[in-house]
Amino acid sequence: MDIRLTPEQEAFRDGLRIWLSSNLEQDWDGDRYRGPTDDVENFALQHAWERKLHEGGYGGLHWPTAYGGRGLGIVEYFVLMEELGRVAAPEGINSIGRELVGPIILDAGTEAQKRRFIPRIISADDIWCQGFSEPNSGSDLASVQTFASRTDDGWMINGQKVWTSYAQFSNWCILLCRTDRTVPKHKGMTLFLVPTAQDGLEIRSLRQITGRREFNELFLTEMRIPDSLRLGPVNEGWQVANRVLAFERGTTRLYRQARFAHELRGLARLVLSGAGNKRADKALLFGRLSARLGILRQHNLRIVSRIAAGEAIGPEASLQKLNWSILHQDIMADAGELLGDAFLEHPAAERFRETYLQARAETIYAGTSEIQRSIIADRVLKLPRARKEGV
């Protein structure tokens, strides 16, 4: 695993740090990394930040120049992610576009789709959401029931999606539909690129335990789209979707690992200020969390080195998803132990209270921990599958 930066990559990181110090709000210290609690204000802040990154030359770093990218290597992209996390910069509103839709369009899209969509993802002119999960399928994408049927000039789609982040602010959705009910369930699905202002598509927001409304339900009723908005081959959406999810699980977590470390430093400052549980074993808790963050970073860098060497992301990406989501929950649980009553009462602990609630969802979205463990057992460890009773 060679993770050393070249002199050019070191210079890129230095320039990025200077740019961040000049372009983040002067009072930005990471305590507000989730943005305002008002959803409209939060969208405006996150969207403006993505536009500023683009204007600064940090959008589409590793994407081809033919489509508006900078054509740099994947390592520069990972440096960007880690540096943004290090200062807890806004995560941005278009993570689905950057991390999922863009890579899969570049991989499986037509030339016309690449030229139409990629530049607008880079500039944040288009905001994307992800229509994968359904009320009765969740992380089991093979059980998707939203159905797309052929028409003379395209497709008609009926069904329902749920947990669709930021759909109310998105103008496009990457949608996974069943297109053949006669074949094994992993083979009969297709991906589509759907405008959210399309007739037949209704969006309803869901209020979360944090008070925010980031999640949404999508209701699709005889929604018609042309075949030019199909992404990849018919009935091969499962394979395409798995490449999307592998990228999401395996390549974008340097930001989160660095941001978690930033949270831990903020927690340490608050505890050292005297707002702590005097009975807590602070050295043990901080030491354990710091060690786990270090291990997470090494796993992240191992994947970075593999991608930089041109190797594919395999099912071991599930190890990363499982690791960071559980670790973040543990950090927030230990924050409660370290702060004691101050966790619920101290004004400076508000960021940890909201993050504690938000982290409860992290072992569910992007594939539940149960799904990740099944993938690891089956595809990484090659363990035998449990025999069904009576078989």
Protein backbone atom coordinates (compact mmCIF):
# COMPACT_ATOMS: atom_id res chain seq x y z
CA MET A 1 0.00 0.00 0.00
CA ASP A 2 1.82 3.12 -1.25
CA ILE A 3 -0.02 6.22 -0.01
CA ARG A 4 2.80 8.75 -0.28
CA LEU A 5 1.91 11.97 -2.07
CA THR A 6 4.05 13.21 -4.92
CA PRO A 7 5.52 16.73 -4.67
CA GLU A 8 2.78 17.88 -7.06
CA GLN A 9 0.08 16.35 -4.86
CA GLU A 10 1.63 17.92 -1.75
CA ALA A 11 1.54 21.29 -3.53
CA PHE A 12 -2.11 20.67 -4.42
CA ARG A 13 -2.93 20.02 -0.77
CA ASP A 14 -1.07 23.12 0.38
CA GLY A 15 -2.92 25.27 -2.13
CA LEU A 16 -6.22 23.75 -1.08
CA ARG A 17 -5.55 24.54 2.58
CA ILE A 18 -4.83 28.16 1.70
CA TRP A 19 -8.01 28.35 -0.38
CA LEU A 20 -10.09 26.87 2.45
CA SER A 21 -8.71 29.30 5.01
CA SER A 22 -9.74 32.17 2.72
CA ASN A 23 -13.13 30.89 1.58
CA LEU A 24 -14.76 29.30 4.62
CA GLU A 25 -16.75 31.79 6.65
CA GLN A 26 -14.49 33.49 9.18
CA ASP A 27 -16.49 32.18 12.15
CA TRP A 28 -16.77 28.67 10.72
CA ASP A 29 -15.31 26.25 13.23
CA GLY A 30 -17.15 23.09 12.27
CA ASP A 31 -19.75 23.39 15.01
CA ARG A 32 -22.21 24.28 12.25
CA TYR A 33 -21.13 21.70 9.68
CA ARG A 34 -24.69 20.42 9.44
CA GLY A 35 -25.82 23.93 8.57
CA PRO A 36 -28.90 25.83 9.77
CA THR A 37 -31.73 23.72 11.16
CA ASP A 38 -34.19 25.43 8.80
CA ASP A 39 -34.22 23.18 5.71
CA VAL A 40 -34.49 26.00 3.16
CA GLU A 41 -31.68 27.99 4.75
CA ASN A 42 -29.57 24.86 5.03
CA PHE A 43 -30.09 24.05 1.34
CA ALA A 44 -29.03 27.57 0.38
CA LEU A 45 -25.84 27.36 2.48
CA GLN A 46 -24.86 23.90 1.22
CA HIS A 47 -25.66 24.78 -2.41
CA ALA A 48 -23.70 28.02 -2.24
CA TRP A 49 -20.69 26.14 -0.84
CA GLU A 50 -20.74 23.63 -3.70
CA ARG A 51 -20.86 26.46 -6.21
CA LYS A 52 -17.93 28.14 -4.46
CA LEU A 53 -15.89 24.93 -4.64
CA HIS A 54 -16.63 24.74 -8.37
CA GLU A 55 -15.66 28.37 -8.91
CA GLY A 56 -12.43 27.71 -7.01
CA GLY A 57 -11.56 24.89 -9.41
CA TYR A 58 -12.33 22.04 -7.01
CA GLY A 59 -15.36 20.58 -8.79
CA GLY A 60 -15.01 17.37 -10.82
CA LEU A 61 -11.31 17.12 -10.00
CA HIS A 62 -10.81 13.62 -11.39
CA TRP A 63 -13.46 13.77 -14.12
CA PRO A 64 -12.52 14.22 -17.81
CA THR A 65 -11.94 17.74 -19.09
CA ALA A 66 -14.23 16.93 -22.03
CA TYR A 67 -17.17 17.11 -19.63
CA GLY A 68 -16.05 20.05 -17.50
CA GLY A 69 -13.76 18.25 -15.06
CA ARG A 70 -10.13 19.06 -14.30
CA GLY A 71 -8.76 15.70 -15.40
CA LEU A 72 -6.60 15.20 -12.29
CA GLY A 73 -5.99 11.86 -10.61
CA ILE A 74 -8.19 10.11 -8.08
CA VAL A 75 -5.61 10.85 -5.36
CA GLU A 76 -6.24 14.60 -5.65
CA TYR A 77 -9.93 13.92 -5.17
CA PHE A 78 -9.24 11.99 -1.98
CA VAL A 79 -6.94 14.75 -0.74
CA LEU A 80 -9.82 17.18 -1.32
CA MET A 81 -12.24 14.97 0.63
CA GLU A 82 -9.91 14.59 3.59
CA GLU A 83 -9.10 18.31 3.75
CA LEU A 84 -12.79 19.25 3.60
CA GLY A 85 -13.45 16.85 6.47
CA ARG A 86 -10.46 18.13 8.44
CA VAL A 87 -12.06 21.58 8.72
CA ALA A 88 -15.62 20.15 8.83
CA ALA A 89 -16.55 22.16 5.73
CA PRO A 90 -20.17 21.81 4.56
CA GLU A 91 -20.70 18.35 3.05
CA GLY A 92 -22.76 19.86 0.25
CA ILE A 93 -26.26 19.20 -0.98
CA ASN A 94 -25.36 17.24 -4.13
CA SER A 95 -23.46 14.26 -2.74
CA ILE A 96 -25.70 11.87 -4.72
CA GLY A 97 -24.77 13.65 -7.93
CA ARG A 98 -21.04 13.76 -7.12
CA GLU A 99 -20.57 10.36 -5.54
CA LEU A 100 -23.14 8.18 -7.30
CA VAL A 101 -24.75 9.60 -10.41
CA GLY A 102 -21.67 11.18 -11.98
CA PRO A 103 -19.46 8.09 -11.65
CA ILE A 104 -22.10 5.76 -13.04
CA ILE A 105 -22.96 8.03 -15.97
CA LEU A 106 -19.25 8.18 -16.79
CA ASP A 107 -19.14 4.39 -16.54
CA ALA A 108 -22.39 3.32 -18.22
CA GLY A 109 -23.97 6.40 -19.80
CA THR A 110 -24.16 7.34 -23.45
CA GLU A 111 -21.98 10.10 -24.85
CA ALA A 112 -25.05 12.34 -25.03
CA GLN A 113 -25.82 11.67 -21.34
CA LYS A 114 -22.25 12.44 -20.32
CA ARG A 115 -22.25 15.76 -22.17
CA ARG A 116 -25.68 16.69 -20.89
CA PHE A 117 -25.39 15.79 -17.21
CA ILE A 118 -21.75 15.73 -16.05
CA PRO A 119 -20.97 19.47 -16.46
CA ARG A 120 -24.15 20.41 -14.60
CA ILE A 121 -23.30 18.05 -11.72
CA ILE A 122 -19.85 19.63 -11.44
CA SER A 123 -21.29 23.16 -11.37
CA ALA A 124 -24.15 22.14 -9.01
CA ASP A 125 -26.64 23.48 -11.57
CA ASP A 126 -28.37 20.10 -11.26
CA ILE A 127 -29.09 18.58 -7.83
CA TRP A 128 -29.70 14.83 -7.74
CA CYS A 129 -31.51 12.44 -5.43
CA GLN A 130 -31.50 8.64 -5.35
CA GLY A 131 -34.68 6.61 -5.87
CA PHE A 132 -33.57 3.14 -4.78
CA SER A 133 -35.18 2.18 -1.45
CA GLU A 134 -38.86 1.30 -1.22
CA PRO A 135 -41.26 0.89 1.74
CA ASN A 136 -40.98 -2.92 1.61
CA SER A 137 -37.49 -3.37 0.20
CA GLY A 138 -35.10 -1.03 2.05
CA SER A 139 -31.54 -2.29 1.62
CA ASP A 140 -32.73 -5.38 -0.27
CA LEU A 141 -32.69 -3.73 -3.68
CA ALA A 142 -33.37 -7.04 -5.38
CA SER A 143 -36.95 -6.83 -4.07
CA VAL A 144 -37.69 -3.49 -5.78
CA GLN A 145 -41.26 -3.40 -7.12
CA THR A 146 -41.52 0.01 -8.81
CA PHE A 147 -42.23 -1.06 -12.39
CA ALA A 148 -41.29 0.50 -15.70
CA SER A 149 -43.23 -0.79 -18.71
CA ARG A 150 -42.42 -0.15 -22.36
CA THR A 151 -44.45 2.37 -24.36
CA ASP A 152 -44.25 3.34 -28.02
CA ASP A 153 -41.86 6.20 -27.31
CA GLY A 154 -40.27 5.26 -24.00
CA TRP A 155 -41.37 4.05 -20.56
CA MET A 156 -44.26 4.39 -18.12
CA ILE A 157 -43.35 4.06 -14.42
CA ASN A 158 -45.55 3.24 -11.43
CA GLY A 159 -44.45 2.71 -7.83
CA GLN A 160 -43.15 4.29 -4.66
CA LYS A 161 -39.73 5.18 -3.22
CA VAL A 162 -38.80 6.27 0.30
CA TRP A 163 -35.86 7.72 2.30
CA THR A 164 -34.99 9.85 -0.73
CA SER A 165 -32.62 12.47 0.65
CA TYR A 166 -33.13 16.09 -0.49
CA ALA A 167 -35.66 15.12 -3.16
CA GLN A 168 -37.59 18.33 -2.45
CA PHE A 169 -34.52 20.34 -3.52
CA SER A 170 -33.47 18.07 -6.40
CA ASN A 171 -34.31 18.48 -10.05
CA TRP A 172 -33.16 14.99 -11.10
CA CYS A 173 -33.46 11.50 -9.63
CA ILE A 174 -31.56 8.31 -10.46
CA LEU A 175 -34.34 5.71 -10.30
CA LEU A 176 -34.10 1.93 -10.03
CA CYS A 177 -37.11 0.09 -11.50
CA ARG A 178 -38.15 -3.44 -12.26
CA THR A 179 -38.56 -3.96 -15.99
CA ASP A 180 -39.06 -7.74 -16.21
CA ARG A 181 -41.02 -9.78 -13.68
CA THR A 182 -40.37 -13.12 -15.41
CA VAL A 183 -36.62 -13.40 -14.72
CA PRO A 184 -34.71 -13.88 -11.43
CA LYS A 185 -35.10 -10.75 -9.34
CA HIS A 186 -31.45 -9.68 -9.65
CA LYS A 187 -31.71 -9.59 -13.45
CA GLY A 188 -34.94 -7.74 -14.17
CA MET A 189 -34.10 -4.14 -13.14
CA THR A 190 -33.14 -1.01 -15.08
CA LEU A 191 -31.86 2.45 -14.10
CA PHE A 192 -33.45 5.68 -15.31
CA LEU A 193 -32.63 9.40 -15.05
CA VAL A 194 -35.84 11.17 -14.11
CA PRO A 195 -36.60 14.92 -13.82
CA THR A 196 -38.34 15.51 -10.50
CA ALA A 197 -40.66 18.11 -12.07
CA GLN A 198 -42.07 15.37 -14.30
CA ASP A 199 -45.85 14.87 -14.43
CA GLY A 200 -46.78 11.79 -12.43
CA LEU A 201 -44.09 12.27 -9.77
CA GLU A 202 -45.14 13.52 -6.33
CA ILE A 203 -42.67 14.29 -3.50
CA ARG A 204 -43.67 14.26 0.18
CA SER A 205 -41.20 15.21 2.90
CA LEU A 206 -40.69 13.17 6.07
CA ARG A 207 -39.88 14.81 9.39
CA GLN A 208 -36.96 13.13 11.16
CA ILE A 209 -36.11 12.79 14.83
CA THR A 210 -33.65 15.70 14.42
CA GLY A 211 -36.51 17.97 13.32
CA ARG A 212 -35.12 18.23 9.80
CA ARG A 213 -36.91 17.10 6.65
CA GLU A 214 -34.08 15.67 4.56
CA PHE A 215 -35.89 12.41 3.73
CA ASN A 216 -38.79 12.13 1.31
CA GLU A 217 -41.26 9.73 -0.22
CA LEU A 218 -41.70 9.59 -3.99
CA PHE A 219 -45.00 8.51 -5.56
CA LEU A 220 -44.85 7.62 -9.26
CA THR A 221 -48.15 7.29 -11.08
CA GLU A 222 -48.12 6.58 -14.83
CA MET A 223 -45.03 8.77 -15.14
CA ARG A 224 -43.75 8.73 -18.73
CA ILE A 225 -40.16 9.32 -19.83
CA PRO A 226 -38.32 8.81 -23.14
CA ASP A 227 -35.89 5.93 -23.64
CA SER A 228 -33.05 8.46 -23.89
CA LEU A 229 -33.29 8.76 -20.09
CA ARG A 230 -32.56 5.08 -19.54
CA LEU A 231 -29.09 4.59 -17.97
CA GLY A 232 -27.31 1.45 -19.08
CA PRO A 233 -28.76 -1.72 -20.63
CA VAL A 234 -32.32 -2.89 -20.01
CA ASN A 235 -32.56 -5.42 -17.16
CA GLU A 236 -28.95 -4.83 -16.06
CA GLY A 237 -29.70 -2.15 -13.48
CA TRP A 238 -28.68 -4.50 -10.64
CA GLN A 239 -25.12 -4.70 -11.95
CA VAL A 240 -25.00 -0.95 -12.58
CA ALA A 241 -26.49 -0.16 -9.16
CA ASN A 242 -23.96 -2.37 -7.40
CA ARG A 243 -21.13 -0.45 -9.02
CA VAL A 244 -22.78 2.74 -7.76
CA LEU A 245 -23.07 1.43 -4.21
CA ALA A 246 -19.52 0.06 -4.17
CA PHE A 247 -18.25 3.53 -5.06
CA GLU A 248 -20.41 5.11 -2.36
CA ARG A 249 -19.31 2.65 0.32
CA GLY A 250 -15.67 2.49 -0.55
CA THR A 251 -14.37 5.81 -1.84
CA THR A 252 -15.95 8.80 -0.14
CA ARG A 253 -15.28 8.19 3.54
CA LEU A 254 -12.07 10.09 3.94
CA TYR A 255 -14.25 13.16 4.39
CA ARG A 256 -16.24 11.52 7.16
CA GLN A 257 -13.23 10.01 8.89
CA ALA A 258 -11.56 13.43 8.97
CA ARG A 259 -14.77 15.10 10.10
CA PHE A 260 -15.22 12.54 12.89
CA ALA A 261 -11.69 13.38 14.06
CA HIS A 262 -12.68 17.07 14.02
CA GLU A 263 -15.73 16.23 16.15
CA LEU A 264 -13.53 14.33 18.60
CA ARG A 265 -11.21 17.33 18.94
CA GLY A 266 -14.22 19.57 19.60
CA LEU A 267 -15.46 17.12 22.21
CA ALA A 268 -12.04 17.11 23.89
CA ARG A 269 -12.04 20.91 24.07
CA LEU A 270 -15.46 20.92 25.66
CA VAL A 271 -14.47 18.28 28.23
CA LEU A 272 -11.23 20.11 29.05
CA SER A 273 -13.23 23.30 29.61
CA GLY A 274 -14.78 21.58 32.62
CA ALA A 275 -18.08 20.54 31.08
CA GLY A 276 -17.50 16.86 31.67
CA ASN A 277 -18.56 13.82 33.63
CA LYS A 278 -15.99 13.65 36.42
CA ARG A 279 -16.56 9.88 36.80
CA ALA A 280 -15.78 9.06 33.16
CA ASP A 281 -12.45 7.45 32.30
CA LYS A 282 -11.53 10.18 29.80
CA ALA A 283 -8.12 8.82 28.83
CA LEU A 284 -9.55 5.39 28.03
CA LEU A 285 -12.50 6.69 26.02
CA PHE A 286 -10.52 9.23 24.01
CA GLY A 287 -7.69 6.78 23.45
CA ARG A 288 -10.01 4.06 22.20
CA LEU A 289 -11.86 6.39 19.81
CA SER A 290 -8.62 7.90 18.50
CA ALA A 291 -7.22 4.44 17.79
CA ARG A 292 -10.36 3.38 15.93
CA LEU A 293 -10.29 6.56 13.84
CA GLY A 294 -6.67 5.81 12.95
CA ILE A 295 -7.61 2.29 11.86
CA LEU A 296 -10.50 3.65 9.77
CA ARG A 297 -8.14 6.07 8.03
CA GLN A 298 -5.71 3.27 7.19
CA HIS A 299 -8.50 1.20 5.68
CA ASN A 300 -9.60 4.25 3.68
CA LEU A 301 -6.10 4.80 2.39
CA ARG A 302 -5.76 1.15 1.44
CA ILE A 303 -8.79 1.54 -0.83
CA VAL A 304 -7.38 4.82 -2.17
CA SER A 305 -4.13 3.06 -3.09
CA ARG A 306 -6.02 0.28 -4.85
CA ILE A 307 -8.12 2.68 -6.90
CA ALA A 308 -5.05 4.76 -7.76
CA ALA A 309 -3.41 1.56 -9.02
CA GLY A 310 -6.39 0.92 -11.31
CA GLU A 311 -7.88 -1.91 -9.27
CA ALA A 312 -11.65 -2.33 -8.93
CA ILE A 313 -13.57 -1.80 -5.71
CA GLY A 314 -14.82 -5.15 -4.49
CA PRO A 315 -17.24 -6.32 -1.81
CA GLU A 316 -14.71 -5.34 0.85
CA ALA A 317 -16.18 -1.84 0.47
CA SER A 318 -18.87 -3.14 2.82
CA LEU A 319 -16.22 -3.31 5.56
CA GLN A 320 -15.84 0.45 5.28
CA LYS A 321 -19.54 1.18 5.40
CA LEU A 322 -19.98 -1.09 8.43
CA ASN A 323 -16.92 0.36 10.16
CA TRP A 324 -17.55 4.10 9.83
CA SER A 325 -21.28 3.94 10.62
CA ILE A 326 -20.82 1.95 13.86
CA LEU A 327 -17.79 4.02 14.86
CA HIS A 328 -19.70 7.29 14.51
CA GLN A 329 -22.52 5.98 16.70
CA ASP A 330 -19.95 4.92 19.29
CA ILE A 331 -18.29 8.36 19.23
CA MET A 332 -21.63 10.02 19.95
CA ALA A 333 -22.49 7.49 22.67
CA ASP A 334 -19.12 8.14 24.32
CA ALA A 335 -19.77 11.88 24.01
CA GLY A 336 -22.73 11.32 26.32
CA GLU A 337 -20.55 9.37 28.74
CA LEU A 338 -17.79 11.98 28.69
CA LEU A 339 -20.09 14.99 29.11
CA GLY A 340 -22.65 13.53 31.51
CA ASP A 341 -25.44 16.01 32.26
CA ALA A 342 -23.69 18.62 30.10
CA PHE A 343 -24.50 16.49 27.04
CA LEU A 344 -28.16 17.47 27.46
CA GLU A 345 -27.73 20.90 29.03
CA HIS A 346 -24.60 22.68 27.78
CA PRO A 347 -25.19 25.04 24.79
CA ALA A 348 -21.87 24.01 23.21
CA ALA A 349 -23.03 20.37 23.22
CA GLU A 350 -25.92 21.06 20.84
CA ARG A 351 -23.88 19.85 17.85
CA PHE A 352 -23.29 16.53 19.61
CA ARG A 353 -26.94 16.13 20.56
CA GLU A 354 -28.08 16.52 16.96
CA THR A 355 -25.25 14.41 15.62
CA TYR A 356 -26.13 11.65 18.10
CA LEU A 357 -29.66 11.53 16.65
CA GLN A 358 -28.47 11.75 13.06
CA ALA A 359 -25.96 8.95 13.59
CA ARG A 360 -28.75 6.55 14.51
CA ALA A 361 -29.64 6.39 10.79
CA GLU A 362 -26.11 5.75 9.60
CA THR A 363 -26.22 1.99 10.19
CA ILE A 364 -29.40 1.88 8.09
CA TYR A 365 -28.94 4.08 5.02
CA ALA A 366 -26.60 3.13 2.13
CA GLY A 367 -27.18 -0.49 3.14
CA THR A 368 -27.98 -1.68 6.66
CA SER A 369 -25.32 -3.21 8.87
CA GLU A 370 -27.09 -6.57 8.48
CA ILE A 371 -26.79 -6.34 4.70
CA GLN A 372 -23.11 -5.35 4.96
CA ARG A 373 -22.37 -8.32 7.24
CA SER A 374 -24.10 -10.67 4.82
CA ILE A 375 -22.01 -9.32 1.92
CA ILE A 376 -18.82 -9.68 3.94
CA ALA A 377 -19.67 -13.23 5.02
CA ASP A 378 -20.71 -14.32 1.53
CA ARG A 379 -18.31 -12.50 -0.80
CA VAL A 380 -15.25 -11.70 1.32
CA LEU A 381 -15.02 -14.57 3.82
CA LYS A 382 -16.73 -17.08 1.49
CA LEU A 383 -18.64 -18.59 4.39
CA PRO A 384 -21.26 -21.25 3.61
CA ARG A 385 -24.81 -19.97 3.57
CA ALA A 386 -27.14 -21.14 6.31
CA ARG A 387 -29.43 -23.92 5.20
CA LYS A 388 -33.10 -23.06 5.23
CA GLU A 389 -35.20 -25.06 7.64
CA GLY A 390 -36.64 -28.13 5.99
CA VAL A 391 -34.19 -28.04 3.06
